[in-house]
Amino acid sequence: MLRFKVILGLLCSLLLSAVPARAYDAADLENADAYYNDHSYQLALTEYEKFRSAKASEDLTREVSFKWADSVVKAKDPSRQEEAQKSLEDLVASKVHDRWWAEAGVTLAVGYIERDPYGKQAEIKTMLDNARDYWAGSPQVELARERFIAISFTLADFVTTRWGWYGGDIKPLRLGREK
């Protein structure tokens, strides 16, 4: 009888471990997004961690990847900084130029400004210029206005503190042109 229970227990554990991870959707991220929007980055980090290995659409996977990495950076979690930076660099290097590409560029640029502003000057300017360009052409007008202005001030502050008021090589916008 004991042998039967052991074998049954092993079979049940094998069956449960063979079940693929459940896909998630935007509704599953409500708690994590609430923490993230309230700037409770450590709590958001633990919530987004649950979804990092699960399957979802490409857009949702990119969103979770960004928000997880951004939460790590803003929570200043030293044990995950390298992994978060790699995740942000992957988003910036991707061929998909969406909101998460622009947001990842800003997070990386701000991180570089804090840690190594002189060694990463070209990367910082490029990422901030690209993010401004993305938000200038975004159809989400309310969000785009807020993000564009914040990024413009970050870029202007970066340029003027390094090169003074004569640093005029900020990339012009793409208004009225195709993407």
Foldseek 3Di string as FASTA:
>chain_A
DVVVVVVVVVVVVVVVVPDAADEDDPVQCVVLVVCVVVVVLVSNLVSLVVRQPHDYDPVVNLVSLLSNLLSCLSVVPVVCPVVSLVSLVCLCPDPDPDLSNLSSLQSVLVVCVVPPCPVCVVSNLVSLLSSLQRLVPDPPVVVSVVSNVVSVVVNVVSQCVVPNPPSDPRDDHDPPHDD
